[in-house]
Amino acid sequence: MVIPTIGRASLYEAVESALNQSAPVHEVVIAADTVATLNLPEDSRIRVIRTGPASGSANARQRGVAESTGEVIALLDDDDLWHPFKLERQLDEIADLGDALWVVTCRCAVRARGRRERIWPRNTIGEHQSVAEYLFRLDGFTMGGGMMQSSTLCFPRSLAATVPLNFAPDSIHDEPGWLMSLQDHVPDLTFRHVPECFSIYNISDDSVSNRNDDVSEDYIAWGRRNLTRSSARVRGDYYLFSAVTAAASARSLRSIRRAVRIGFTEGRPGAGAIVYAAAQFSRTAVQHAMTSLSSGAEVSRAS
């Protein structure tokens, strides 16, 4: 398995969860995107390679795969954790596929500071379902319907040679972009989705939903490059959800309006995405109003 890291304090626990699997673990390759000293368990299966500093997660993952010697790869981010039966259950899931190429995932417990824990995704991907359709089409009014988070992914090593994990190293969507490209290059690729929750996904403070800088244009540009062959519904939902989320995080009403306009001119969003975008616009407008009132009160007190 490959663990890309920037040296966070939870790396020790992440590595322990990888080592303590019920299925045999041949090696744990830690692709360290840092020059810092790493606090690691004592185990001969651990191998550290240095990729940085600041080479990025996609480059670290691909370097880790290239340095690995096993035929099956499982990814684990340095601040996430695995259940002890995660690998065993996933390998059981694909045992009947023979020589077919596959990617197997599972549900995960999503943890973010100040929020209740959620089990995502609500829906599992079909064996040959479009990745873009699964991930970016909104069938409800909230996020979490479709998800294939990096620490849930397990796949044959050969897939990372067919399409390198860092084929688009500056992409804002590392795993979705890679999985979509894989589906293009391997038409008979089979997805299997273990319905149980076998991973803990810790959302970092620099997640798009926690960022103050407006990166909505990056999401719009990604959609225009990668979703041209997707349905109008997928494109519309993507802009009204992903780009709007980025704009709302930066509290930019102008960017929310732009994302919504593009969603309607370049796609056909569904009801869930429309309701979501409207809610984000309203919430951001209220935040602006509260800030203005607070500033006005401060000026009044000062004078």
Protein backbone atom coordinates (compact mmCIF):
# COMPACT_ATOMS: atom_id res chain seq x y z
CA MET A 1 0.00 0.00 0.00
CA VAL A 2 1.04 3.61 -0.57
CA ILE A 3 0.71 6.40 2.00
CA PRO A 4 1.47 9.93 0.71
CA THR A 5 2.29 12.23 3.62
CA ILE A 6 3.12 15.81 4.49
CA GLY A 7 4.18 14.78 7.97
CA ARG A 8 1.00 15.32 9.99
CA ALA A 9 0.89 14.11 13.60
CA SER A 10 -1.59 11.32 12.80
CA LEU A 11 0.75 9.51 10.41
CA TYR A 12 1.71 7.01 13.12
CA GLU A 13 -1.92 5.93 13.61
CA ALA A 14 -2.52 5.76 9.86
CA VAL A 15 0.47 3.46 9.37
CA GLU A 16 -0.59 1.29 12.29
CA SER A 17 -4.05 0.86 10.77
CA ALA A 18 -2.39 -0.26 7.52
CA LEU A 19 -0.06 -2.71 9.25
CA ASN A 20 -2.79 -4.24 11.41
CA GLN A 21 -4.95 -5.58 8.59
CA SER A 22 -6.50 -9.04 8.79
CA ALA A 23 -5.30 -9.64 5.20
CA PRO A 24 -1.52 -10.08 4.75
CA VAL A 25 0.25 -6.79 4.06
CA HIS A 26 3.43 -7.18 2.01
CA GLU A 27 4.78 -3.65 2.46
CA VAL A 28 3.82 -0.11 3.40
CA VAL A 29 5.46 2.48 1.15
CA ILE A 30 5.36 5.97 2.64
CA ALA A 31 5.80 8.64 -0.01
CA ALA A 32 6.93 11.57 2.13
CA ASP A 33 6.26 14.99 0.64
CA THR A 34 8.33 16.54 3.42
CA VAL A 35 11.87 16.72 4.76
CA ALA A 36 10.68 16.43 8.36
CA THR A 37 11.52 13.45 10.55
CA LEU A 38 8.64 10.96 10.54
CA ASN A 39 7.33 9.26 13.67
CA LEU A 40 6.63 5.68 12.57
CA PRO A 41 6.01 2.27 14.14
CA GLU A 42 8.89 -0.19 14.23
CA ASP A 43 8.15 -2.67 11.42
CA SER A 44 10.34 -4.13 8.69
CA ARG A 45 7.51 -3.80 6.16
CA ILE A 46 7.72 0.00 6.25
CA ARG A 47 9.69 1.76 3.53
CA VAL A 48 10.01 5.56 3.27
CA ILE A 49 10.75 7.37 0.03
CA ARG A 50 11.17 11.13 -0.23
CA THR A 51 9.26 12.94 -2.97
CA GLY A 52 9.30 16.58 -1.93
CA PRO A 53 9.04 18.91 -0.46
CA ALA A 54 5.82 20.21 -2.05
CA SER A 55 5.61 17.68 -4.89
CA GLY A 56 1.86 17.22 -4.32
CA SER A 57 -0.31 14.24 -3.41
CA ALA A 58 -0.72 12.89 -6.96
CA ASN A 59 3.04 12.86 -7.57
CA ALA A 60 3.65 11.28 -4.16
CA ARG A 61 1.09 8.54 -4.84
CA GLN A 62 2.52 7.72 -8.26
CA ARG A 63 6.08 7.66 -6.95
CA GLY A 64 4.94 5.33 -4.17
CA VAL A 65 3.29 2.98 -6.66
CA ALA A 66 6.38 3.02 -8.87
CA GLU A 67 8.58 2.08 -5.88
CA SER A 68 6.24 -0.66 -4.66
CA THR A 69 6.78 -4.34 -5.39
CA GLY A 70 3.29 -5.78 -4.88
CA GLU A 71 0.65 -6.39 -7.54
CA VAL A 72 -2.25 -4.87 -5.59
CA ILE A 73 -2.18 -1.25 -4.43
CA ALA A 74 -4.29 0.34 -1.71
CA LEU A 75 -4.05 4.07 -1.03
CA LEU A 76 -4.18 5.62 2.43
CA ASP A 77 -3.77 9.32 3.14
CA ASP A 78 -1.66 10.16 6.16
CA ASP A 79 -4.53 11.53 8.25
CA ASP A 80 -7.04 8.76 7.46
CA LEU A 81 -7.54 5.36 9.09
CA TRP A 82 -8.58 1.85 8.03
CA HIS A 83 -10.74 -0.70 9.81
CA PRO A 84 -8.73 -3.92 10.41
CA PHE A 85 -10.91 -5.90 7.95
CA LYS A 86 -10.85 -3.28 5.17
CA LEU A 87 -8.46 -5.02 2.77
CA GLU A 88 -9.77 -8.51 3.45
CA ARG A 89 -13.32 -7.44 2.68
CA GLN A 90 -12.33 -5.60 -0.49
CA LEU A 91 -10.26 -8.47 -1.85
CA ASP A 92 -13.13 -10.85 -1.16
CA GLU A 93 -15.37 -8.53 -3.16
CA ILE A 94 -13.29 -8.87 -6.35
CA ALA A 95 -12.26 -12.53 -5.94
CA ASP A 96 -14.67 -13.69 -8.67
CA LEU A 97 -13.37 -11.30 -11.36
CA GLY A 98 -10.48 -13.45 -12.58
CA ASP A 99 -8.31 -11.55 -15.06
CA ALA A 100 -10.65 -8.55 -15.31
CA LEU A 101 -9.26 -5.16 -14.35
CA TRP A 102 -10.97 -3.64 -11.35
CA VAL A 103 -11.14 -0.85 -8.79
CA VAL A 104 -12.75 -1.57 -5.44
CA THR A 105 -13.86 1.03 -2.91
CA CYS A 106 -15.94 1.17 0.28
CA ARG A 107 -17.94 3.55 2.40
CA CYS A 108 -16.14 5.78 4.87
CA ALA A 109 -16.85 7.75 8.04
CA VAL A 110 -16.37 11.42 7.20
CA ARG A 111 -15.06 13.55 10.05
CA ALA A 112 -14.60 17.31 10.01
CA ARG A 113 -13.90 19.69 12.85
CA GLY A 114 -17.11 21.05 14.35
CA ARG A 115 -19.42 18.70 12.40
CA ARG A 116 -21.14 15.45 13.21
CA GLU A 117 -19.73 12.27 11.68
CA ARG A 118 -21.37 11.13 8.45
CA ILE A 119 -21.19 7.81 6.58
CA TRP A 120 -20.66 8.43 2.85
CA PRO A 121 -21.49 7.73 0.11
CA ARG A 122 -25.21 7.12 0.30
CA ASN A 123 -25.15 5.41 -3.12
CA THR A 124 -22.67 2.81 -4.41
CA ILE A 125 -21.27 2.90 -7.95
CA GLY A 126 -22.43 0.32 -10.50
CA GLU A 127 -19.92 -2.10 -11.98
CA HIS A 128 -19.67 -0.21 -15.27
CA GLN A 129 -21.36 3.06 -14.37
CA SER A 130 -19.92 6.34 -15.66
CA VAL A 131 -17.66 7.79 -12.96
CA ALA A 132 -18.69 11.34 -13.86
CA GLU A 133 -22.37 10.40 -13.69
CA TYR A 134 -21.90 8.69 -10.33
CA LEU A 135 -19.82 11.43 -8.69
CA PHE A 136 -21.25 14.64 -10.07
CA ARG A 137 -24.94 14.07 -10.71
CA LEU A 138 -26.95 15.19 -7.67
CA ASP A 139 -29.95 13.02 -6.89
CA GLY A 140 -30.64 14.72 -3.55
CA PHE A 141 -30.21 18.15 -2.03
CA THR A 142 -26.94 17.57 -0.17
CA MET A 143 -23.47 16.20 -0.82
CA GLY A 144 -22.42 12.64 -0.07
CA GLY A 145 -24.52 10.83 -2.66
CA GLY A 146 -21.54 9.57 -4.67
CA MET A 147 -17.96 9.31 -3.43
CA MET A 148 -14.75 7.38 -4.11
CA GLN A 149 -12.29 8.88 -1.65
CA SER A 150 -8.58 8.09 -2.08
CA SER A 151 -8.18 6.13 1.17
CA THR A 152 -10.94 3.73 0.11
CA LEU A 153 -9.36 2.79 -3.25
CA CYS A 154 -7.74 -0.56 -3.98
CA PHE A 155 -6.67 -1.67 -7.49
CA PRO A 156 -4.13 -3.70 -9.50
CA ARG A 157 -0.75 -2.00 -9.81
CA SER A 158 -0.97 -2.22 -13.61
CA LEU A 159 -3.72 0.43 -13.70
CA ALA A 160 -1.28 3.07 -12.44
CA ALA A 161 0.95 2.20 -15.40
CA THR A 162 -1.93 2.48 -17.87
CA VAL A 163 -2.91 5.89 -16.46
CA PRO A 164 -0.46 7.34 -13.92
CA LEU A 165 -2.05 8.76 -10.78
CA ASN A 166 -0.26 12.04 -11.54
CA PHE A 167 -1.29 12.24 -15.21
CA ALA A 168 -2.77 15.66 -14.35
CA PRO A 169 -0.71 16.74 -11.31
CA ASP A 170 -2.32 20.18 -10.94
CA SER A 171 -5.89 18.89 -11.12
CA ILE A 172 -8.37 19.98 -8.46
CA HIS A 173 -9.95 16.52 -8.67
CA ASP A 174 -7.13 13.98 -8.34
CA GLU A 175 -9.11 10.76 -7.83
CA PRO A 176 -12.18 11.60 -9.96
CA GLY A 177 -9.98 12.70 -12.86
CA TRP A 178 -7.84 9.58 -12.62
CA LEU A 179 -10.84 7.25 -12.41
CA MET A 180 -12.54 8.97 -15.35
CA SER A 181 -9.37 8.67 -17.43
CA LEU A 182 -9.03 5.01 -16.44
CA GLN A 183 -12.55 4.38 -17.65
CA ASP A 184 -11.64 5.92 -21.00
CA HIS A 185 -8.49 3.82 -21.38
CA VAL A 186 -9.86 0.56 -19.96
CA PRO A 187 -13.37 0.16 -21.41
CA ASP A 188 -14.08 -3.08 -19.53
CA LEU A 189 -12.94 -1.68 -16.16
CA THR A 190 -15.10 -3.09 -13.36
CA PHE A 191 -15.97 -1.17 -10.20
CA ARG A 192 -16.94 -2.92 -7.01
CA HIS A 193 -18.25 -1.00 -4.01
CA VAL A 194 -18.18 -2.66 -0.59
CA PRO A 195 -21.30 -1.32 1.15
CA GLU A 196 -19.83 -1.38 4.65
CA CYS A 197 -17.83 1.46 6.21
CA PHE A 198 -14.17 0.43 6.46
CA SER A 199 -12.31 3.77 6.41
CA ILE A 200 -12.22 7.04 8.33
CA TYR A 201 -11.81 10.15 6.17
CA ASN A 202 -10.62 13.21 8.09
CA ILE A 203 -11.42 16.41 6.18
CA SER A 204 -8.52 18.81 6.54
CA ASP A 205 -8.79 22.51 7.29
CA ASP A 206 -7.65 23.33 3.72
CA SER A 207 -10.58 21.43 2.16
CA VAL A 208 -12.52 23.45 -0.42
CA SER A 209 -15.40 23.83 2.04
CA ASN A 210 -13.01 25.41 4.54
CA ARG A 211 -11.05 27.69 2.21
CA ASN A 212 -11.30 31.47 2.16
CA ASP A 213 -9.70 32.03 -1.26
CA ASP A 214 -12.00 31.85 -4.28
CA VAL A 215 -11.03 28.85 -6.41
CA SER A 216 -14.39 28.53 -8.15
CA GLU A 217 -12.80 29.42 -11.51
CA ASP A 218 -10.53 26.39 -11.16
CA TYR A 219 -13.59 24.17 -10.76
CA ILE A 220 -15.30 25.77 -13.74
CA ALA A 221 -12.17 25.27 -15.86
CA TRP A 222 -11.91 21.62 -14.77
CA GLY A 223 -15.54 21.00 -15.68
CA ARG A 224 -15.07 22.55 -19.11
CA ARG A 225 -12.02 20.35 -19.77
CA ASN A 226 -13.32 17.09 -18.40
CA LEU A 227 -17.11 16.99 -18.63
CA THR A 228 -17.68 17.89 -22.28
CA ARG A 229 -18.76 14.31 -23.07
CA SER A 230 -20.92 14.00 -19.96
CA SER A 231 -24.64 14.64 -19.96
CA ALA A 232 -26.04 18.15 -19.64
CA ARG A 233 -27.42 17.12 -16.26
CA VAL A 234 -23.98 16.15 -14.97
CA ARG A 235 -22.44 19.41 -16.20
CA GLY A 236 -25.20 21.53 -14.72
CA ASP A 237 -25.12 19.75 -11.37
CA TYR A 238 -21.33 19.97 -11.23
CA TYR A 239 -21.22 23.74 -11.72
CA LEU A 240 -24.10 24.40 -9.32
CA PHE A 241 -22.56 22.18 -6.68
CA SER A 242 -18.75 22.07 -6.89
CA ALA A 243 -18.10 25.55 -8.30
CA VAL A 244 -20.81 27.10 -6.12
CA THR A 245 -19.37 25.40 -3.01
CA ALA A 246 -15.97 26.93 -3.74
CA ALA A 247 -17.49 30.37 -4.35
CA ALA A 248 -19.65 30.19 -1.22
CA SER A 249 -16.63 29.17 0.88
CA ALA A 250 -14.96 32.40 -0.28
CA ARG A 251 -18.24 34.30 0.38
CA SER A 252 -18.30 35.59 -3.19
CA LEU A 253 -21.83 36.33 -4.40
CA ARG A 254 -20.43 37.33 -7.79
CA SER A 255 -18.72 33.96 -8.22
CA ILE A 256 -21.82 32.07 -7.11
CA ARG A 257 -23.85 33.93 -9.74
CA ARG A 258 -21.23 33.16 -12.38
CA ALA A 259 -21.16 29.44 -11.52
CA VAL A 260 -24.96 29.28 -11.64
CA ARG A 261 -25.07 31.10 -14.98
CA ILE A 262 -22.53 28.69 -16.49
CA GLY A 263 -24.44 25.76 -15.04
CA PHE A 264 -27.57 26.80 -16.90
CA THR A 265 -25.89 27.92 -20.14
CA GLU A 266 -23.55 24.91 -20.43
CA GLY A 267 -25.68 22.28 -18.71
CA ARG A 268 -29.10 21.41 -17.41
CA PRO A 269 -28.99 21.17 -13.60
CA GLY A 270 -31.51 19.12 -11.67
CA ALA A 271 -33.75 20.26 -8.86
CA GLY A 272 -31.34 19.18 -6.12
CA ALA A 273 -28.48 21.25 -7.52
CA ILE A 274 -30.75 24.28 -8.03
CA VAL A 275 -31.99 24.13 -4.43
CA TYR A 276 -28.42 23.68 -3.17
CA ALA A 277 -27.10 26.66 -5.15
CA ALA A 278 -30.02 28.85 -4.03
CA ALA A 279 -29.37 27.91 -0.40
CA GLN A 280 -25.67 28.73 -0.73
CA PHE A 281 -26.46 32.08 -2.35
CA SER A 282 -28.95 32.95 0.41
CA ARG A 283 -26.56 31.91 3.16
CA THR A 284 -23.75 33.96 1.64
CA ALA A 285 -26.02 36.98 1.22
CA VAL A 286 -26.99 36.76 4.89
CA GLN A 287 -23.30 36.56 5.85
CA HIS A 288 -22.63 39.71 3.84
CA ALA A 289 -25.56 41.48 5.50
CA MET A 290 -24.43 40.48 8.99
CA THR A 291 -20.90 41.66 8.25
CA SER A 292 -22.23 45.03 7.03
CA LEU A 293 -24.41 45.41 10.13
CA SER A 294 -21.48 44.54 12.37
CA SER A 295 -19.24 47.05 10.58
CA GLY A 296 -21.93 49.73 10.86
CA ALA A 297 -22.28 49.11 14.59
CA GLU A 298 -18.53 49.41 15.06
CA VAL A 299 -18.49 52.73 13.21
CA SER A 300 -21.40 54.01 15.30
CA ARG A 301 -19.67 53.09 18.54
CA ALA A 302 -16.45 54.68 17.35
CA SER A 303 -18.17 57.96 16.50
